[in-house]
C-alpha atoms as a PDB file:
ATOM      1  CA  MET A   1      57.793 -15.614  44.712  1.00  0.00           C
ATOM      2  CA  LYS A   2      55.422 -15.195  41.771  1.00  0.00           C
ATOM      3  CA  ALA A   3      51.608 -14.881  41.590  1.00  0.00           C
ATOM      4  CA  ILE A   4      49.050 -14.718  38.773  1.00  0.00           C
ATOM      5  CA  ILE A   5      45.601 -13.103  38.902  1.00  0.00           C
ATOM      6  CA  VAL A   6      42.806 -14.651  36.837  1.00  0.00           C
ATOM      7  CA  PRO A   7      40.550 -14.456  34.843  1.00  0.00           C
ATOM      8  CA  GLY A   8      41.454 -11.908  32.176  1.00  0.00           C
ATOM      9  CA  ILE A   9      41.142  -8.164  32.677  1.00  0.00           C
ATOM     10  CA  THR A  10      38.265  -6.296  30.997  1.00  0.00           C
ATOM     11  CA  ASP A  11      39.068  -2.581  31.121  1.00  0.00           C
ATOM     12  CA  MET A  12      35.742  -1.601  29.559  1.00  0.00           C
ATOM     13  CA  ASN A  13      33.865  -3.017  32.545  1.00  0.00           C
ATOM     14  CA  LYS A  14      34.937  -0.533  35.206  1.00  0.00           C
ATOM     15  CA  GLY A  15      33.731  -2.605  38.150  1.00  0.00           C
ATOM     16  CA  ASP A  16      35.637  -5.622  36.890  1.00  0.00           C
ATOM     17  CA  GLN A  17      38.709  -3.505  36.190  1.00  0.00           C
ATOM     18  CA  ALA A  18      38.673  -2.097  39.705  1.00  0.00           C
ATOM     19  CA  LEU A  19      38.361  -5.565  41.232  1.00  0.00           C
ATOM     20  CA  VAL A  20      41.305  -6.908  39.237  1.00  0.00           C
ATOM     21  CA  TRP A  21      43.469  -3.907  40.112  1.00  0.00           C
ATOM     22  CA  GLU A  22      42.457  -4.178  43.749  1.00  0.00           C
ATOM     23  CA  SER A  23      43.236  -7.910  43.734  1.00  0.00           C
ATOM     24  CA  TYR A  24      46.690  -7.015  42.436  1.00  0.00           C
ATOM     25  CA  ARG A  25      47.177  -4.458  45.218  1.00  0.00           C
ATOM     26  CA  LEU A  26      46.086  -6.855  47.955  1.00  0.00           C
ATOM     27  CA  VAL A  27      48.405  -9.586  46.692  1.00  0.00           C
ATOM     28  CA  LYS A  28      51.270  -7.085  46.480  1.00  0.00           C
ATOM     29  CA  ASP A  29      50.575  -5.784  49.992  1.00  0.00           C
ATOM     30  CA  THR A  30      51.210  -9.242  51.434  1.00  0.00           C
ATOM     31  CA  GLY A  31      54.886  -8.644  50.715  1.00  0.00           C
ATOM     32  CA  LEU A  32      55.242 -12.285  49.649  1.00  0.00           C
ATOM     33  CA  TYR A  33      55.370 -11.871  45.881  1.00  0.00           C
ATOM     34  CA  ASN A  34      58.022 -10.114  43.831  1.00  0.00           C
ATOM     35  CA  ASP A  35      56.264 -10.715  40.504  1.00  0.00           C
ATOM     36  CA  ILE A  36      52.497 -10.498  39.977  1.00  0.00           C
ATOM     37  CA  TYR A  37      50.881 -10.959  36.567  1.00  0.00           C
ATOM     38  CA  ILE A  38      47.415 -10.230  35.191  1.00  0.00           C
ATOM     39  CA  LEU A  39      45.897 -12.081  32.225  1.00  0.00           C
ATOM     40  CA  ASN A  40      44.901  -9.952  29.255  1.00  0.00           C
ATOM     41  CA  SER A  41      41.567 -10.257  27.452  1.00  0.00           C
ATOM     42  CA  GLY A  42      40.279 -10.073  23.921  1.00  0.00           C
ATOM     43  CA  ASP A  43      40.602 -12.249  20.861  1.00  0.00           C
ATOM     44  CA  THR A  44      41.291  -9.654  18.156  1.00  0.00           C
ATOM     45  CA  ASP A  45      43.907  -6.883  18.253  1.00  0.00           C
ATOM     46  CA  GLU A  46      41.114  -4.329  18.616  1.00  0.00           C
ATOM     47  CA  GLU A  47      39.564  -6.167  21.560  1.00  0.00           C
ATOM     48  CA  LYS A  48      42.912  -6.603  23.271  1.00  0.00           C
ATOM     49  CA  LYS A  49      43.541  -2.877  22.993  1.00  0.00           C
ATOM     50  CA  ASN A  50      40.095  -2.022  24.356  1.00  0.00           C
ATOM     51  CA  LEU A  51      40.141  -4.578  27.164  1.00  0.00           C
ATOM     52  CA  SER A  52      43.768  -4.493  28.329  1.00  0.00           C
ATOM     53  CA  TYR A  53      45.304  -1.190  27.185  1.00  0.00           C
ATOM     54  CA  GLN A  54      44.594   0.844  30.328  1.00  0.00           C
ATOM     55  CA  THR A  55      45.903  -1.937  32.542  1.00  0.00           C
ATOM     56  CA  GLN A  56      49.114  -2.120  30.532  1.00  0.00           C
ATOM     57  CA  GLN A  57      49.445   1.674  30.589  1.00  0.00           C
ATOM     58  CA  ARG A  58      49.284   1.555  34.384  1.00  0.00           C
ATOM     59  CA  GLY A  59      52.325  -0.727  34.310  1.00  0.00           C
ATOM     60  CA  PHE A  60      50.680  -3.988  35.350  1.00  0.00           C
ATOM     61  CA  PRO A  61      52.591  -6.990  33.940  1.00  0.00           C
ATOM     62  CA  ILE A  62      50.372  -8.828  31.446  1.00  0.00           C
ATOM     63  CA  LEU A  63      50.225 -12.484  30.412  1.00  0.00           C
ATOM     64  CA  GLU A  64      48.726 -13.675  27.134  1.00  0.00           C
ATOM     65  CA  ASN A  65      45.301 -15.247  27.461  1.00  0.00           C
ATOM     66  CA  ILE A  66      45.104 -18.912  26.372  1.00  0.00           C
ATOM     67  CA  LEU A  67      41.398 -19.679  26.102  1.00  0.00           C
ATOM     68  CA  LYS A  68      39.552 -17.575  23.543  1.00  0.00           C
ATOM     69  CA  HIS A  69      35.873 -16.741  23.716  1.00  0.00           C
ATOM     70  CA  PRO A  70      33.785 -18.804  21.257  1.00  0.00           C
ATOM     71  CA  ARG A  71      32.736 -15.561  19.518  1.00  0.00           C
ATOM     72  CA  ARG A  72      36.361 -14.917  18.494  1.00  0.00           C
ATOM     73  CA  GLY A  73      35.903 -11.166  18.791  1.00  0.00           C
ATOM     74  CA  GLN A  74      32.853 -11.108  16.512  1.00  0.00           C
ATOM     75  CA  HIS A  75      30.221  -9.117  18.414  1.00  0.00           C
ATOM     76  CA  LYS A  76      27.304  -8.334  16.123  1.00  0.00           C
ATOM     77  CA  LYS A  77      25.649  -5.051  17.030  1.00  0.00           C
ATOM     78  CA  ASP A  78      22.134  -6.346  16.448  1.00  0.00           C
ATOM     79  CA  GLU A  79      22.604  -9.550  18.477  1.00  0.00           C
ATOM     80  CA  HIS A  80      23.630  -8.330  21.922  1.00  0.00           C
ATOM     81  CA  ILE A  81      20.664  -9.926  23.678  1.00  0.00           C
ATOM     82  CA  GLN A  82      19.746 -12.893  21.480  1.00  0.00           C
ATOM     83  CA  GLU A  83      22.122 -14.392  18.936  1.00  0.00           C
ATOM     84  CA  SER A  84      21.074 -16.023  15.668  1.00  0.00           C
ATOM     85  CA  LYS A  85      21.137 -19.791  15.250  1.00  0.00           C
ATOM     86  CA  LEU A  86      23.998 -19.449  12.761  1.00  0.00           C
ATOM     87  CA  GLU A  87      26.146 -17.460  15.194  1.00  0.00           C
ATOM     88  CA  LEU A  88      25.301 -19.887  17.983  1.00  0.00           C
ATOM     89  CA  ALA A  89      26.320 -22.833  15.772  1.00  0.00           C
ATOM     90  CA  LYS A  90      29.674 -21.171  15.057  1.00  0.00           C
ATOM     91  CA  GLN A  91      30.251 -20.647  18.760  1.00  0.00           C
ATOM     92  CA  ILE A  92      29.350 -24.249  19.582  1.00  0.00           C
ATOM     93  CA  LYS A  93      31.906 -25.443  17.033  1.00  0.00           C
ATOM     94  CA  ASN A  94      34.602 -23.144  18.440  1.00  0.00           C
ATOM     95  CA  ALA A  95      33.755 -24.143  22.003  1.00  0.00           C
ATOM     96  CA  GLY A  96      34.003 -27.855  21.165  1.00  0.00           C
ATOM     97  CA  LEU A  97      37.428 -27.450  19.605  1.00  0.00           C
ATOM     98  CA  ASP A  98      38.580 -25.201  22.462  1.00  0.00           C
ATOM     99  CA  PHE A  99      37.415 -27.721  25.051  1.00  0.00           C
ATOM    100  CA  LEU A 100      39.435 -30.507  23.435  1.00  0.00           C
ATOM    101  CA  SER A 101      42.479 -28.258  23.121  1.00  0.00           C
ATOM    102  CA  THR A 102      42.407 -26.980  26.706  1.00  0.00           C
ATOM    103  CA  TRP A 103      41.517 -30.401  28.149  1.00  0.00           C
ATOM    104  CA  PHE A 104      44.589 -31.856  26.446  1.00  0.00           C
ATOM    105  CA  LEU A 105      46.701 -28.888  27.549  1.00  0.00           C
ATOM    106  CA  ILE A 106      45.806 -29.511  31.183  1.00  0.00           C
ATOM    107  CA  LEU A 107      46.588 -33.200  30.708  1.00  0.00           C
ATOM    108  CA  ILE A 108      50.156 -32.489  29.525  1.00  0.00           C
ATOM    109  CA  ALA A 109      50.745 -29.182  31.347  1.00  0.00           C
ATOM    110  CA  ASN A 110      53.548 -30.508  33.513  1.00  0.00           C
ATOM    111  CA  ASN A 111      55.496 -31.747  30.493  1.00  0.00           C
ATOM    112  CA  ALA A 112      57.155 -28.705  28.915  1.00  0.00           C
ATOM    113  CA  GLY A 113      58.359 -30.734  25.951  1.00  0.00           C
ATOM    114  CA  LEU A 114      54.871 -31.885  24.994  1.00  0.00           C
ATOM    115  CA  VAL A 115      53.461 -28.366  25.425  1.00  0.00           C
ATOM    116  CA  ARG A 116      56.123 -27.078  23.016  1.00  0.00           C
ATOM    117  CA  LEU A 117      55.274 -29.857  20.581  1.00  0.00           C
ATOM    118  CA  PHE A 118      51.529 -29.255  20.419  1.00  0.00           C
ATOM    119  CA  TYR A 119      51.010 -25.541  21.172  1.00  0.00           C
ATOM    120  CA  GLY A 120      52.180 -22.173  19.871  1.00  0.00           C
ATOM    121  CA  LYS A 121      54.690 -19.852  21.503  1.00  0.00           C
ATOM    122  CA  LYS A 122      52.155 -17.621  23.258  1.00  0.00           C
ATOM    123  CA  THR A 123      50.476 -20.574  24.939  1.00  0.00           C
ATOM    124  CA  GLN A 124      53.872 -22.051  25.801  1.00  0.00           C
ATOM    125  CA  GLN A 125      54.926 -18.797  27.468  1.00  0.00           C
ATOM    126  CA  THR A 126      51.763 -18.487  29.554  1.00  0.00           C
ATOM    127  CA  VAL A 127      51.902 -22.129  30.620  1.00  0.00           C
ATOM    128  CA  ALA A 128      55.555 -21.633  31.586  1.00  0.00           C
ATOM    129  CA  GLN A 129      54.558 -18.663  33.746  1.00  0.00           C
ATOM    130  CA  PHE A 130      51.924 -20.785  35.485  1.00  0.00           C
ATOM    131  CA  ARG A 131      54.498 -23.525  35.982  1.00  0.00           C
ATOM    132  CA  ASP A 132      56.913 -21.053  37.581  1.00  0.00           C
ATOM    133  CA  SER A 133      54.300 -19.367  39.771  1.00  0.00           C
ATOM    134  CA  ASP A 134      53.689 -20.070  43.441  1.00  0.00           C
ATOM    135  CA  ALA A 135      50.036 -19.083  43.692  1.00  0.00           C
ATOM    136  CA  VAL A 136      47.039 -18.113  41.581  1.00  0.00           C
ATOM    137  CA  PHE A 137      44.465 -15.635  42.878  1.00  0.00           C
ATOM    138  CA  VAL A 138      40.970 -15.413  41.419  1.00  0.00           C
ATOM    139  CA  LYS A 139      39.748 -11.814  41.469  1.00  0.00           C
ATOM    140  CA  GLY A 140      36.757 -10.801  43.517  1.00  0.00           C
ATOM    141  CA  GLY A 141      33.395 -10.475  41.780  1.00  0.00           C
ATOM    142  CA  GLY A 142      30.742 -12.902  40.675  1.00  0.00           C
ATOM    143  CA  PHE A 143      30.965 -15.243  37.715  1.00  0.00           C
ATOM    144  CA  ILE A 144      30.609 -18.789  39.083  1.00  0.00           C
ATOM    145  CA  HIS A 145      26.993 -19.252  38.120  1.00  0.00           C
ATOM    146  CA  ALA A 146      24.800 -20.881  35.491  1.00  0.00           C
ATOM    147  CA  TYR A 147      21.078 -20.550  34.872  1.00  0.00           C
ATOM    148  CA  GLY A 148      20.346 -23.779  33.046  1.00  0.00           C
ATOM    149  CA  GLU A 149      21.259 -22.497  29.604  1.00  0.00           C
ATOM    150  CA  LYS A 150      22.249 -25.117  27.020  1.00  0.00           C
ATOM    151  CA  THR A 151      25.786 -23.753  27.017  1.00  0.00           C
ATOM    152  CA  ALA A 152      26.157 -24.150  30.793  1.00  0.00           C
ATOM    153  CA  PRO A 153      28.528 -27.164  30.721  1.00  0.00           C
ATOM    154  CA  TYR A 154      31.078 -25.351  28.577  1.00  0.00           C
ATOM    155  CA  LEU A 155      30.453 -22.029  30.320  1.00  0.00           C
ATOM    156  CA  MET A 156      31.608 -23.547  33.607  1.00  0.00           C
ATOM    157  CA  TRP A 157      34.615 -25.159  31.945  1.00  0.00           C
ATOM    158  CA  TYR A 158      35.470 -21.753  30.472  1.00  0.00           C
ATOM    159  CA  PHE A 159      35.186 -20.017  33.855  1.00  0.00           C
ATOM    160  CA  LEU A 160      37.270 -22.596  35.717  1.00  0.00           C
ATOM    161  CA  PHE A 161      39.921 -23.413  33.097  1.00  0.00           C
ATOM    162  CA  TYR A 162      42.775 -21.439  34.676  1.00  0.00           C
ATOM    163  CA  VAL A 163      41.976 -22.799  38.121  1.00  0.00           C
ATOM    164  CA  ARG A 164      42.136 -26.341  36.744  1.00  0.00           C
ATOM    165  CA  LEU A 165      45.443 -25.540  35.041  1.00  0.00           C
ATOM    166  CA  ALA A 166      46.907 -24.134  38.258  1.00  0.00           C
ATOM    167  CA  LYS A 167      45.826 -27.103  40.375  1.00  0.00           C
ATOM    168  CA  LYS A 168      47.166 -29.554  37.781  1.00  0.00           C
ATOM    169  CA  MET A 169      50.532 -27.897  38.371  1.00  0.00           C
ATOM    170  CA  GLY A 170      50.158 -28.130  42.128  1.00  0.00           C
ATOM    171  CA  LYS A 171      49.760 -24.385  42.732  1.00  0.00           C
ATOM    172  CA  LYS A 172      48.005 -22.731  45.653  1.00  0.00           C
ATOM    173  CA  VAL A 173      44.704 -21.177  44.539  1.00  0.00           C
ATOM    174  CA  VAL A 174      42.803 -18.485  46.452  1.00  0.00           C
ATOM    175  CA  PHE A 175      39.299 -17.326  45.492  1.00  0.00           C
ATOM    176  CA  PHE A 176      38.786 -13.739  46.637  1.00  0.00           C
ATOM    177  CA  PRO A 177      35.212 -12.879  47.801  1.00  0.00           C
ATOM    178  CA  ASN A 178      32.804 -13.850  45.029  1.00  0.00           C
ATOM    179  CA  SER A 179      29.108 -14.367  44.467  1.00  0.00           C
ATOM    180  CA  TYR A 180      28.180 -17.992  43.780  1.00  0.00           C
ATOM    181  CA  GLY A 181      25.152 -19.625  42.236  1.00  0.00           C
ATOM    182  CA  PRO A 182      22.774 -20.627  40.984  1.00  0.00           C
ATOM    183  CA  PHE A 183      24.350 -23.857  39.716  1.00  0.00           C
ATOM    184  CA  LYS A 184      21.763 -24.944  37.151  1.00  0.00           C
ATOM    185  CA  GLY A 185      22.608 -26.957  34.072  1.00  0.00           C
ATOM    186  CA  LEU A 186      24.160 -30.233  32.986  1.00  0.00           C
ATOM    187  CA  THR A 187      27.442 -31.026  34.851  1.00  0.00           C
ATOM    188  CA  VAL A 188      27.556 -27.569  36.479  1.00  0.00           C
ATOM    189  CA  LYS A 189      27.312 -28.741  40.089  1.00  0.00           C
ATOM    190  CA  SER A 190      29.743 -31.597  39.556  1.00  0.00           C
ATOM    191  CA  GLN A 191      32.287 -29.308  37.871  1.00  0.00           C
ATOM    192  CA  VAL A 192      32.094 -26.668  40.586  1.00  0.00           C
ATOM    193  CA  LYS A 193      32.245 -29.234  43.375  1.00  0.00           C
ATOM    194  CA  LYS A 194      35.202 -31.070  41.854  1.00  0.00           C
ATOM    195  CA  VAL A 195      37.244 -27.904  41.311  1.00  0.00           C
ATOM    196  CA  PHE A 196      36.361 -26.025  44.503  1.00  0.00           C
ATOM    197  CA  ASN A 197      37.136 -28.986  46.734  1.00  0.00           C
ATOM    198  CA  THR A 198      40.756 -28.714  45.569  1.00  0.00           C
ATOM    199  CA  LEU A 199      41.170 -25.008  46.371  1.00  0.00           C
ATOM    200  CA  ASP A 200      43.201 -23.654  49.271  1.00  0.00           C
ATOM    201  CA  LEU A 201      41.086 -20.638  50.292  1.00  0.00           C
ATOM    202  CA  VAL A 202      37.565 -19.713  49.186  1.00  0.00           C
ATOM    203  CA  TYR A 203      35.578 -16.663  50.280  1.00  0.00           C
ATOM    204  CA  ALA A 204      32.017 -15.577  49.522  1.00  0.00           C
ATOM    205  CA  ARG A 205      31.027 -11.907  49.433  1.00  0.00           C
ATOM    206  CA  GLU A 206      27.531 -12.307  50.859  1.00  0.00           C
ATOM    207  CA  LYS A 207      25.617 -14.818  52.960  1.00  0.00           C
ATOM    208  CA  VAL A 208      23.401 -16.175  50.179  1.00  0.00           C
ATOM    209  CA  SER A 209      26.510 -17.124  48.183  1.00  0.00           C
ATOM    210  CA  SER A 210      28.157 -18.628  51.246  1.00  0.00           C
ATOM    211  CA  VAL A 211      25.090 -20.784  51.860  1.00  0.00           C
ATOM    212  CA  ALA A 212      24.889 -21.878  48.214  1.00  0.00           C
ATOM    213  CA  MET A 213      28.554 -22.887  47.997  1.00  0.00           C
ATOM    214  CA  SER A 214      28.671 -24.364  51.511  1.00  0.00           C
ATOM    215  CA  GLU A 215      25.719 -26.628  50.761  1.00  0.00           C
ATOM    216  CA  LEU A 216      27.278 -27.748  47.482  1.00  0.00           C
ATOM    217  CA  LEU A 217      30.700 -28.492  48.980  1.00  0.00           C
ATOM    218  CA  GLY A 218      29.511 -29.811  52.342  1.00  0.00           C
ATOM    219  CA  LYS A 219      31.790 -27.426  54.247  1.00  0.00           C
ATOM    220  CA  ASN A 220      31.703 -23.850  55.453  1.00  0.00           C
ATOM    221  CA  VAL A 221      32.652 -21.071  53.041  1.00  0.00           C
ATOM    222  CA  PRO A 222      33.286 -17.887  55.059  1.00  0.00           C
ATOM    223  CA  VAL A 223      31.897 -14.481  54.121  1.00  0.00           C
ATOM    224  CA  GLU A 224      34.311 -11.600  53.627  1.00  0.00           C
ATOM    225  CA  MET A 225      33.816  -8.055  52.347  1.00  0.00           C
ATOM    226  CA  ASP A 226      33.647  -7.354  48.633  1.00  0.00           C
ATOM    227  CA  LEU A 227      37.007  -6.041  47.442  1.00  0.00           C
ATOM    228  CA  GLY A 228      35.286  -2.778  46.515  1.00  0.00           C
ATOM    229  CA  PHE A 229      35.343  -1.861  50.209  1.00  0.00           C
ATOM    230  CA  PHE A 230      39.145  -1.938  50.152  1.00  0.00           C
ATOM    231  CA  LEU A 231      39.456   0.627  47.346  1.00  0.00           C
ATOM    232  CA  GLU A 232      41.600   3.590  48.288  1.00  0.00           C
ATOM    233  CA  LYS A 233      39.907   6.992  48.281  1.00  0.00           C
ATOM    234  CA  GLY A 234      40.215   8.802  44.978  1.00  0.00           C
ATOM    235  CA  SER A 235      40.494  12.500  44.235  1.00  0.00           C
ATOM    236  CA  GLU A 236      37.642  14.555  45.694  1.00  0.00           C
ATOM    237  CA  GLU A 237      38.315  17.327  43.198  1.00  0.00           C
ATOM    238  CA  LYS A 238      38.074  14.856  40.307  1.00  0.00           C
ATOM    239  CA  ALA A 239      34.743  13.634  41.650  1.00  0.00           C
ATOM    240  CA  LYS A 240      33.434  17.205  41.744  1.00  0.00           C
ATOM    241  CA  GLU A 241      34.608  17.746  38.162  1.00  0.00           C
ATOM    242  CA  ILE A 242      32.629  14.692  37.043  1.00  0.00           C
ATOM    243  CA  LEU A 243      29.512  15.877  38.872  1.00  0.00           C
ATOM    244  CA  LYS A 244      29.828  19.315  37.298  1.00  0.00           C
ATOM    245  CA  LYS A 245      30.202  17.760  33.842  1.00  0.00           C
ATOM    246  CA  TYR A 246      26.762  16.197  34.216  1.00  0.00           C
ATOM    247  CA  ASN A 247      25.109  19.226  35.852  1.00  0.00           C
ATOM    248  CA  LEU A 248      25.212  17.683  39.323  1.00  0.00           C
ATOM    249  CA  SER A 249      26.755  18.858  42.592  1.00  0.00           C
ATOM    250  CA  SER A 250      27.778  17.382  45.925  1.00  0.00           C
ATOM    251  CA  ASP A 251      24.704  19.028  47.477  1.00  0.00           C
ATOM    252  CA  ASP A 252      22.333  16.996  45.284  1.00  0.00           C
ATOM    253  CA  LYS A 253      20.654  13.820  46.463  1.00  0.00           C
ATOM    254  CA  ILE A 254      21.860  11.417  43.759  1.00  0.00           C
ATOM    255  CA  VAL A 255      20.791   7.859  43.026  1.00  0.00           C
ATOM    256  CA  GLY A 256      23.209   5.907  40.859  1.00  0.00           C
ATOM    257  CA  ILE A 257      21.654   3.205  38.666  1.00  0.00           C
ATOM    258  CA  THR A 258      23.909   0.790  36.795  1.00  0.00           C
ATOM    259  CA  VAL A 259      22.617  -0.648  33.526  1.00  0.00           C
ATOM    260  CA  ARG A 260      23.882  -3.403  31.253  1.00  0.00           C
ATOM    261  CA  PRO A 261      22.678  -5.593  28.357  1.00  0.00           C
ATOM    262  CA  TRP A 262      21.765  -8.726  30.329  1.00  0.00           C
ATOM    263  CA  ARG A 263      21.162 -11.784  28.123  1.00  0.00           C
ATOM    264  CA  PHE A 264      18.760 -13.697  30.416  1.00  0.00           C
ATOM    265  CA  PRO A 265      20.576 -17.008  29.793  1.00  0.00           C
ATOM    266  CA  GLY A 266      18.466 -20.143  29.797  1.00  0.00           C
ATOM    267  CA  LYS A 267      15.232 -18.264  29.032  1.00  0.00           C
ATOM    268  CA  GLU A 268      13.152 -18.762  25.902  1.00  0.00           C
ATOM    269  CA  ASN A 269      12.117 -15.086  25.620  1.00  0.00           C
ATOM    270  CA  PRO A 270      15.245 -12.971  26.315  1.00  0.00           C
ATOM    271  CA  LEU A 271      14.142 -10.054  24.119  1.00  0.00           C
ATOM    272  CA  GLU A 272      10.825  -9.740  25.937  1.00  0.00           C
ATOM    273  CA  LEU A 273      12.536  -9.978  29.322  1.00  0.00           C
ATOM    274  CA  TYR A 274      15.079  -7.360  28.281  1.00  0.00           C
ATOM    275  CA  GLU A 275      12.264  -4.947  27.416  1.00  0.00           C
ATOM    276  CA  LYS A 276      10.782  -5.558  30.875  1.00  0.00           C
ATOM    277  CA  TYR A 277      14.200  -4.927  32.417  1.00  0.00           C
ATOM    278  CA  LEU A 278      14.500  -1.562  30.646  1.00  0.00           C
ATOM    279  CA  ASP A 279      10.967  -0.660  31.696  1.00  0.00           C
ATOM    280  CA  SER A 280      11.776  -1.485  35.337  1.00  0.00           C
ATOM    281  CA  VAL A 281      14.833   0.805  35.220  1.00  0.00           C
ATOM    282  CA  TYR A 282      12.648   3.552  33.758  1.00  0.00           C
ATOM    283  CA  ARG A 283      10.009   3.158  36.475  1.00  0.00           C
ATOM    284  CA  LEU A 284      12.639   3.065  39.240  1.00  0.00           C
ATOM    285  CA  ALA A 285      14.207   6.274  37.934  1.00  0.00           C
ATOM    286  CA  ASN A 286      10.826   8.021  37.819  1.00  0.00           C
ATOM    287  CA  PHE A 287      10.027   6.886  41.364  1.00  0.00           C
ATOM    288  CA  ALA A 288      13.334   8.298  42.655  1.00  0.00           C
ATOM    289  CA  ILE A 289      12.810  11.588  40.813  1.00  0.00           C
ATOM    290  CA  GLU A 290       9.351  11.936  42.390  1.00  0.00           C
ATOM    291  CA  LYS A 291      11.012  11.565  45.795  1.00  0.00           C
ATOM    292  CA  GLY A 292      13.375  14.453  45.061  1.00  0.00           C
ATOM    293  CA  PHE A 293      16.450  12.548  43.915  1.00  0.00           C
ATOM    294  CA  LYS A 294      18.542  13.109  40.818  1.00  0.00           C
ATOM    295  CA  ILE A 295      19.475  10.112  38.682  1.00  0.00           C
ATOM    296  CA  ALA A 296      22.921   9.116  37.426  1.00  0.00           C
ATOM    297  CA  LEU A 297      22.743   6.246  34.929  1.00  0.00           C
ATOM    298  CA  CYS A 298      26.069   4.401  34.790  1.00  0.00           C
ATOM    299  CA  ASN A 299      27.135   1.773  32.265  1.00  0.00           C
ATOM    300  CA  GLN A 300      28.281  -1.336  34.053  1.00  0.00           C
ATOM    301  CA  SER A 301      30.072  -2.359  30.890  1.00  0.00           C
ATOM    302  CA  ILE A 302      30.804  -0.360  27.730  1.00  0.00           C
ATOM    303  CA  GLY A 303      32.465  -3.082  25.727  1.00  0.00           C
ATOM    304  CA  PRO A 304      32.479  -6.783  24.809  1.00  0.00           C
ATOM    305  CA  LYS A 305      31.667  -9.169  27.618  1.00  0.00           C
ATOM    306  CA  PHE A 306      32.727 -12.777  28.137  1.00  0.00           C
ATOM    307  CA  SER A 307      29.604 -14.440  29.493  1.00  0.00           C
END
């Protein structure tokens, strides 16, 4: 039997990477699947190397990603939090064309001849792998949400594309424990409800997400542990080496604080809110230091993101 894990891997987000790898291990441990594939990420050769290279080096079988990000690998260094109107216009154009392309692909997905006629070899190969698979597993994490941003309708299409493709082909789909909500924005609730009511197993990773999705679907969504709790213990010596590198020791009281460039989608003042976010991290760190703790600031993501 064959399984595919979606969405694409992002090696430069270590939490996401761990969840994808752990999803792979859990699927493999069932003993049901001989072949398990992971989708790659990135739109340019440089991005693909950054976002998928470590996964490939570990020997995980990789499938080519079909749906590109509207940015097309163009991440401007001065627009991480708020993008210019010109860049946004380019993305809207790309998203519109991508929506039409992927909508049509889903429509004809079960007809291999039509897929060959209208799409390139890489897309044909990935669609063929989906057609030959028995199940699709959606990694644990949290990405089924929208905050009322103008891009919310396409954002939800983008997030759920591979699930739609799998269900069109009659495949079993399992959602590993995820965070869900809020579901703000045009068509967001209807999209989520339509897709999730077709799934075979859905788990939430905390009660608030279970309540949000259960109320939307009108049926119970059970809570299960985040996949991070299933991670196998790493090397204790390696951990000590890392602590030593940053002038820390296992005897220290350490508070880890993860930071990331959050865009505050749907808000009119993202730059102002981002400054407040940084200030809150600063004040939290100072408070912990005053209580006798040492601080370890950890990047949640050190590369391009797809949200």
